[in-house]
Structures are given as C-alpha cells and as structure tokens.
Amino acid sequence: MRSLVVDDSSTMRAVLRMILRKKGFDVHEANNAAEAIRALETLGPIDLMLLDWNMPEMNGFELLCSVRRDKAHANTKIIMVTTETALDEMTRALEAGANEYIMKPFTPEVVADKLRMLGW
C-alpha cells in the first residue's frame, strides 16, 4: 500500500509517517501541493493521501480538487488533516471528494480509526 503525506510541517509529516508505516504503508512525502503533484506524476497510483489544508501557494483543498479531477487517481482515498474545524469547511471537503477528515491535534488512535473506516 502506498501513501503520500502532504504537509508543510516536517514534524507533522514525521508523525504521520510513523503511524502509516506501523500500518504497513510505504510512505512518500511532499512539503507542498506542487511537490505532491510532481510525486503523483512520478509515482503513479497512490492508495492513500493525507492532505494538510493550510499550506502556502496551493492549499490542501485546492490540491484535493485537482486530484479528484484526474481520473488516474479516482481510487485514491484522501484524508484531510487540518486545524480547520468549521463544519462548513468539513462539508466542503467531503463534497469535493475527501473520504475522511482528521482535526489537529490528533492521536495515533484517531488516524488508525480513520484507516480502519477506509478498509485498512
């Protein structure tokens, strides 16, 4: 199983990398949306993406919409991982194609629960 963690925080990427590796994922990382798009072009299909909402240049929501427009990634599960707690933001992300939503700060158990809900 291949995953891509997209977050401008190296600390957050390290935390998510540790959790995902324990669940058996091969973890790739991107510091921003542009790196993520290049990674998707290079890596091909990814099983799971975890996207930070608040990033410079292109935010996670915009990246989510971009990925969902690309039929090559139609089967990729996407979890938004963010400090955005407004219900309308969560709804907007889910309507745009996010499969799940995790609010920061979180525990490893929360991530594991979301992965189980997605079939892992």
N, C-alpha and C. Protein backbone atom coordinates (compact mmCIF):
# COMPACT_ATOMS: atom_id res chain seq x y z
N MET A 1 0.85 -1.17 0.00
CA MET A 1 0.00 0.00 0.00
C MET A 1 0.90 1.23 0.00
N ARG A 2 0.56 2.16 -0.88
CA ARG A 2 1.37 3.36 -0.99
C ARG A 2 0.59 4.58 -0.54
N SER A 3 1.28 5.44 0.21
CA SER A 3 0.64 6.65 0.70
C SER A 3 1.51 7.86 0.37
N LEU A 4 0.85 9.02 0.36
CA LEU A 4 1.52 10.29 0.16
C LEU A 4 1.02 11.25 1.22
N VAL A 5 1.93 11.73 2.06
CA VAL A 5 1.61 12.69 3.11
C VAL A 5 2.04 14.07 2.61
N VAL A 6 1.09 15.00 2.58
CA VAL A 6 1.37 16.34 2.08
C VAL A 6 1.12 17.34 3.20
N ASP A 7 2.20 17.91 3.71
CA ASP A 7 2.11 18.87 4.82
C ASP A 7 3.37 19.71 4.81
N ASP A 8 3.23 21.01 5.04
CA ASP A 8 4.40 21.88 5.06
C ASP A 8 5.17 21.79 6.38
N SER A 9 4.65 21.05 7.33
CA SER A 9 5.34 20.83 8.61
C SER A 9 6.08 19.50 8.58
N SER A 10 7.41 19.57 8.70
CA SER A 10 8.20 18.33 8.71
C SER A 10 7.86 17.48 9.93
N THR A 11 7.52 18.12 11.03
CA THR A 11 7.15 17.40 12.25
C THR A 11 5.86 16.61 12.02
N MET A 12 4.88 17.25 11.41
CA MET A 12 3.61 16.56 11.15
C MET A 12 3.82 15.42 10.16
N ARG A 13 4.64 15.63 9.14
CA ARG A 13 4.92 14.54 8.20
C ARG A 13 5.58 13.37 8.91
N ALA A 14 6.50 13.65 9.84
CA ALA A 14 7.19 12.59 10.58
C ALA A 14 6.20 11.80 11.45
N VAL A 15 5.28 12.49 12.10
CA VAL A 15 4.28 11.82 12.94
C VAL A 15 3.41 10.91 12.09
N LEU A 16 2.91 11.43 10.98
CA LEU A 16 2.05 10.64 10.10
C LEU A 16 2.82 9.50 9.46
N ARG A 17 4.07 9.74 9.09
CA ARG A 17 4.91 8.68 8.52
C ARG A 17 5.04 7.51 9.49
N MET A 18 5.29 7.81 10.76
CA MET A 18 5.44 6.77 11.78
C MET A 18 4.15 5.95 11.91
N ILE A 19 3.01 6.64 11.97
CA ILE A 19 1.73 5.96 12.12
C ILE A 19 1.45 5.07 10.90
N LEU A 20 1.65 5.61 9.72
CA LEU A 20 1.35 4.86 8.49
C LEU A 20 2.28 3.67 8.31
N ARG A 21 3.56 3.84 8.62
CA ARG A 21 4.49 2.71 8.49
C ARG A 21 4.11 1.57 9.42
N LYS A 22 3.64 1.91 10.62
CA LYS A 22 3.20 0.86 11.55
C LYS A 22 2.00 0.11 11.00
N LYS A 23 1.24 0.76 10.12
CA LYS A 23 0.08 0.12 9.50
C LYS A 23 0.43 -0.57 8.19
N GLY A 24 1.72 -0.57 7.84
CA GLY A 24 2.17 -1.29 6.67
C GLY A 24 2.25 -0.48 5.38
N PHE A 25 2.11 0.82 5.46
CA PHE A 25 2.16 1.66 4.28
C PHE A 25 3.59 2.01 3.89
N ASP A 26 3.83 2.06 2.60
CA ASP A 26 5.03 2.66 2.03
C ASP A 26 4.71 4.15 1.97
N VAL A 27 5.48 4.99 2.65
CA VAL A 27 5.13 6.40 2.81
C VAL A 27 6.03 7.29 1.96
N HIS A 28 5.39 8.11 1.14
CA HIS A 28 6.07 9.16 0.38
C HIS A 28 5.60 10.48 0.96
N GLU A 29 6.42 11.52 0.82
CA GLU A 29 6.10 12.80 1.44
C GLU A 29 6.26 13.94 0.45
N ALA A 30 5.48 14.99 0.68
CA ALA A 30 5.60 16.23 -0.08
C ALA A 30 5.43 17.39 0.89
N ASN A 31 6.25 18.41 0.69
CA ASN A 31 6.25 19.60 1.54
C ASN A 31 5.14 20.58 1.16
N ASN A 32 4.63 20.46 -0.07
CA ASN A 32 3.59 21.38 -0.54
C ASN A 32 2.82 20.72 -1.69
N ALA A 33 1.82 21.42 -2.17
CA ALA A 33 0.97 20.85 -3.22
C ALA A 33 1.72 20.63 -4.53
N ALA A 34 2.61 21.55 -4.88
CA ALA A 34 3.37 21.39 -6.13
C ALA A 34 4.23 20.13 -6.07
N GLU A 35 4.88 19.89 -4.93
CA GLU A 35 5.67 18.66 -4.77
C GLU A 35 4.76 17.44 -4.85
N ALA A 36 3.57 17.54 -4.29
CA ALA A 36 2.63 16.42 -4.31
C ALA A 36 2.21 16.09 -5.75
N ILE A 37 1.94 17.10 -6.54
CA ILE A 37 1.54 16.87 -7.93
C ILE A 37 2.68 16.21 -8.70
N ARG A 38 3.91 16.68 -8.48
CA ARG A 38 5.06 16.04 -9.13
C ARG A 38 5.21 14.59 -8.67
N ALA A 39 5.00 14.35 -7.37
CA ALA A 39 5.11 12.98 -6.84
C ALA A 39 4.07 12.08 -7.48
N LEU A 40 2.85 12.57 -7.63
CA LEU A 40 1.80 11.76 -8.25
C LEU A 40 2.14 11.43 -9.70
N GLU A 41 2.74 12.37 -10.40
CA GLU A 41 3.14 12.12 -11.79
C GLU A 41 4.24 11.07 -11.85
N THR A 42 5.13 11.07 -10.87
CA THR A 42 6.26 10.15 -10.84
C THR A 42 5.87 8.78 -10.30
N LEU A 43 5.11 8.78 -9.22
CA LEU A 43 4.78 7.54 -8.52
C LEU A 43 3.65 6.75 -9.17
N GLY A 44 2.78 7.42 -9.85
CA GLY A 44 1.59 6.75 -10.37
C GLY A 44 0.55 6.61 -9.27
N PRO A 45 -0.32 5.62 -9.41
CA PRO A 45 -1.42 5.48 -8.44
C PRO A 45 -0.94 5.35 -6.99
N ILE A 46 -1.63 6.05 -6.13
CA ILE A 46 -1.38 6.06 -4.69
C ILE A 46 -2.65 5.55 -4.02
N ASP A 47 -2.52 4.72 -3.01
CA ASP A 47 -3.70 4.20 -2.31
C ASP A 47 -4.33 5.22 -1.38
N LEU A 48 -3.47 6.03 -0.73
CA LEU A 48 -3.94 6.94 0.31
C LEU A 48 -3.15 8.24 0.27
N MET A 49 -3.87 9.35 0.38
CA MET A 49 -3.23 10.66 0.54
C MET A 49 -3.75 11.30 1.81
N LEU A 50 -2.85 11.89 2.58
CA LEU A 50 -3.23 12.69 3.74
C LEU A 50 -2.80 14.12 3.43
N LEU A 51 -3.76 15.04 3.40
CA LEU A 51 -3.50 16.41 2.97
C LEU A 51 -3.75 17.41 4.09
N ASP A 52 -2.74 18.23 4.34
CA ASP A 52 -2.92 19.38 5.22
C ASP A 52 -3.74 20.42 4.46
N TRP A 53 -4.64 21.08 5.15
CA TRP A 53 -5.46 22.10 4.49
C TRP A 53 -4.66 23.37 4.28
N ASN A 54 -4.00 23.85 5.32
CA ASN A 54 -3.34 25.15 5.29
C ASN A 54 -1.88 25.04 4.89
N MET A 55 -1.64 25.27 3.60
CA MET A 55 -0.27 25.27 3.07
C MET A 55 -0.11 26.50 2.18
N PRO A 56 1.11 26.98 2.03
CA PRO A 56 1.33 28.14 1.16
C PRO A 56 1.12 27.79 -0.31
N GLU A 57 0.89 28.79 -1.11
CA GLU A 57 0.69 28.72 -2.56
C GLU A 57 -0.61 28.01 -2.91
N MET A 58 -0.64 26.69 -2.90
CA MET A 58 -1.88 25.94 -3.16
C MET A 58 -2.23 25.20 -1.88
N ASN A 59 -3.44 25.43 -1.36
CA ASN A 59 -3.80 24.76 -0.11
C ASN A 59 -4.30 23.35 -0.37
N GLY A 60 -4.51 22.61 0.71
CA GLY A 60 -4.91 21.22 0.60
C GLY A 60 -6.26 21.02 -0.07
N PHE A 61 -7.17 21.95 0.14
CA PHE A 61 -8.47 21.84 -0.52
C PHE A 61 -8.31 21.95 -2.03
N GLU A 62 -7.51 22.90 -2.47
CA GLU A 62 -7.26 23.07 -3.90
C GLU A 62 -6.57 21.83 -4.48
N LEU A 63 -5.64 21.26 -3.71
CA LEU A 63 -4.98 20.03 -4.15
C LEU A 63 -5.99 18.88 -4.23
N LEU A 64 -6.85 18.76 -3.25
CA LEU A 64 -7.91 17.75 -3.26
C LEU A 64 -8.73 17.86 -4.55
N CYS A 65 -9.16 19.06 -4.88
CA CYS A 65 -9.96 19.26 -6.09
C CYS A 65 -9.17 18.89 -7.34
N SER A 66 -7.90 19.23 -7.38
CA SER A 66 -7.04 18.90 -8.51
C SER A 66 -6.90 17.39 -8.67
N VAL A 67 -6.67 16.70 -7.57
CA VAL A 67 -6.51 15.24 -7.62
C VAL A 67 -7.81 14.58 -8.06
N ARG A 68 -8.93 15.06 -7.56
CA ARG A 68 -10.21 14.46 -7.90
C ARG A 68 -10.60 14.69 -9.37
N ARG A 69 -10.06 15.72 -10.01
CA ARG A 69 -10.31 15.94 -11.44
C ARG A 69 -9.53 14.96 -12.32
N ASP A 70 -8.49 14.35 -11.76
CA ASP A 70 -7.62 13.45 -12.52
C ASP A 70 -8.12 12.02 -12.35
N LYS A 71 -8.65 11.45 -13.41
CA LYS A 71 -9.23 10.10 -13.36
C LYS A 71 -8.20 9.03 -12.96
N ALA A 72 -6.92 9.31 -13.15
CA ALA A 72 -5.87 8.35 -12.79
C ALA A 72 -5.85 8.10 -11.28
N HIS A 73 -6.42 9.03 -10.51
CA HIS A 73 -6.40 8.91 -9.05
C HIS A 73 -7.81 8.74 -8.48
N ALA A 74 -8.70 8.22 -9.29
CA ALA A 74 -10.09 8.05 -8.87
C ALA A 74 -10.23 7.12 -7.67
N ASN A 75 -9.33 6.15 -7.55
CA ASN A 75 -9.43 5.18 -6.45
C ASN A 75 -8.61 5.56 -5.22
N THR A 76 -7.91 6.68 -5.29
CA THR A 76 -7.11 7.12 -4.15
C THR A 76 -8.02 7.61 -3.03
N LYS A 77 -7.81 7.08 -1.83
CA LYS A 77 -8.54 7.57 -0.66
C LYS A 77 -7.81 8.80 -0.15
N ILE A 78 -8.56 9.84 0.21
CA ILE A 78 -7.97 11.10 0.67
C ILE A 78 -8.54 11.47 2.02
N ILE A 79 -7.61 11.72 2.95
CA ILE A 79 -7.98 12.20 4.28
C ILE A 79 -7.42 13.61 4.44
N MET A 80 -8.28 14.55 4.76
CA MET A 80 -7.84 15.90 5.09
C MET A 80 -7.39 15.90 6.55
N VAL A 81 -6.22 16.44 6.81
CA VAL A 81 -5.67 16.51 8.17
C VAL A 81 -5.41 17.98 8.44
N THR A 82 -6.20 18.58 9.33
CA THR A 82 -6.18 20.03 9.41
C THR A 82 -6.64 20.61 10.73
N THR A 83 -6.35 21.88 10.91
CA THR A 83 -6.85 22.62 12.06
C THR A 83 -8.20 23.26 11.76
N GLU A 84 -8.64 23.17 10.50
CA GLU A 84 -9.94 23.74 10.12
C GLU A 84 -11.04 22.94 10.82
N THR A 85 -11.77 23.59 11.70
CA THR A 85 -12.79 22.89 12.48
C THR A 85 -14.21 23.30 12.13
N ALA A 86 -14.36 24.27 11.24
CA ALA A 86 -15.70 24.73 10.88
C ALA A 86 -16.45 23.64 10.11
N LEU A 87 -17.67 23.42 10.49
CA LEU A 87 -18.49 22.38 9.86
C LEU A 87 -18.63 22.61 8.36
N ASP A 88 -18.77 23.86 7.93
CA ASP A 88 -18.92 24.12 6.50
C ASP A 88 -17.65 23.78 5.73
N GLU A 89 -16.47 23.92 6.35
CA GLU A 89 -15.21 23.54 5.69
C GLU A 89 -15.12 22.02 5.55
N MET A 90 -15.51 21.31 6.61
CA MET A 90 -15.52 19.85 6.56
C MET A 90 -16.47 19.36 5.46
N THR A 91 -17.64 19.93 5.43
CA THR A 91 -18.65 19.55 4.44
C THR A 91 -18.13 19.83 3.03
N ARG A 92 -17.52 20.99 2.85
CA ARG A 92 -16.98 21.36 1.53
C ARG A 92 -15.93 20.35 1.07
N ALA A 93 -15.05 19.94 1.98
CA ALA A 93 -14.01 18.96 1.62
C ALA A 93 -14.62 17.60 1.29
N LEU A 94 -15.57 17.15 2.07
CA LEU A 94 -16.21 15.86 1.81
C LEU A 94 -16.98 15.89 0.49
N GLU A 95 -17.66 16.99 0.21
CA GLU A 95 -18.39 17.11 -1.04
C GLU A 95 -17.45 17.17 -2.24
N ALA A 96 -16.22 17.68 -2.02
CA ALA A 96 -15.24 17.78 -3.10
C ALA A 96 -14.51 16.45 -3.34
N GLY A 97 -14.73 15.47 -2.46
CA GLY A 97 -14.15 14.16 -2.69
C GLY A 97 -13.24 13.62 -1.61
N ALA A 98 -13.09 14.33 -0.50
CA ALA A 98 -12.33 13.77 0.62
C ALA A 98 -13.12 12.59 1.18
N ASN A 99 -12.39 11.55 1.58
CA ASN A 99 -13.05 10.38 2.16
C ASN A 99 -13.21 10.49 3.66
N GLU A 100 -12.29 11.20 4.30
CA GLU A 100 -12.33 11.38 5.75
C GLU A 100 -11.69 12.70 6.11
N TYR A 101 -11.80 13.05 7.39
CA TYR A 101 -11.34 14.33 7.89
C TYR A 101 -10.78 14.11 9.28
N ILE A 102 -9.54 14.54 9.53
CA ILE A 102 -8.93 14.45 10.85
C ILE A 102 -8.54 15.85 11.30
N MET A 103 -8.95 16.21 12.51
CA MET A 103 -8.61 17.52 13.04
C MET A 103 -7.36 17.45 13.91
N LYS A 104 -6.46 18.40 13.70
CA LYS A 104 -5.26 18.54 14.54
C LYS A 104 -5.65 19.29 15.80
N PRO A 105 -5.08 18.97 16.92
CA PRO A 105 -4.17 17.85 17.15
C PRO A 105 -4.94 16.53 17.21
N PHE A 106 -4.25 15.44 16.92
CA PHE A 106 -4.88 14.13 16.90
C PHE A 106 -3.95 13.13 17.58
N THR A 107 -4.49 11.97 17.86
CA THR A 107 -3.70 10.88 18.43
C THR A 107 -3.49 9.82 17.35
N PRO A 108 -2.50 8.97 17.51
CA PRO A 108 -2.33 7.87 16.55
C PRO A 108 -3.58 6.99 16.44
N GLU A 109 -4.31 6.87 17.54
CA GLU A 109 -5.53 6.06 17.54
C GLU A 109 -6.59 6.64 16.60
N VAL A 110 -6.67 7.96 16.54
CA VAL A 110 -7.64 8.60 15.65
C VAL A 110 -7.31 8.27 14.20
N VAL A 111 -6.03 8.36 13.85
CA VAL A 111 -5.61 8.03 12.48
C VAL A 111 -5.89 6.56 12.20
N ALA A 112 -5.56 5.69 13.14
CA ALA A 112 -5.82 4.26 12.96
C ALA A 112 -7.30 3.98 12.77
N ASP A 113 -8.16 4.67 13.53
CA ASP A 113 -9.61 4.50 13.37
C ASP A 113 -10.07 4.92 11.98
N LYS A 114 -9.56 6.04 11.49
CA LYS A 114 -9.94 6.51 10.15
C LYS A 114 -9.47 5.51 9.09
N LEU A 115 -8.27 4.97 9.26
CA LEU A 115 -7.77 3.98 8.31
C LEU A 115 -8.65 2.73 8.31
N ARG A 116 -9.07 2.30 9.50
CA ARG A 116 -9.97 1.14 9.59
C ARG A 116 -11.28 1.42 8.87
N MET A 117 -11.80 2.65 9.03
CA MET A 117 -13.05 3.02 8.38
C MET A 117 -12.91 2.97 6.85
N LEU A 118 -11.69 3.17 6.37
CA LEU A 118 -11.44 3.14 4.92
C LEU A 118 -11.01 1.75 4.43
N GLY A 119 -10.98 0.80 5.34
CA GLY A 119 -10.68 -0.58 4.94
C GLY A 119 -9.27 -1.06 5.19
N TRP A 120 -8.50 -0.31 5.98
CA TRP A 120 -7.13 -0.74 6.28
C TRP A 120 -7.00 -1.10 7.74
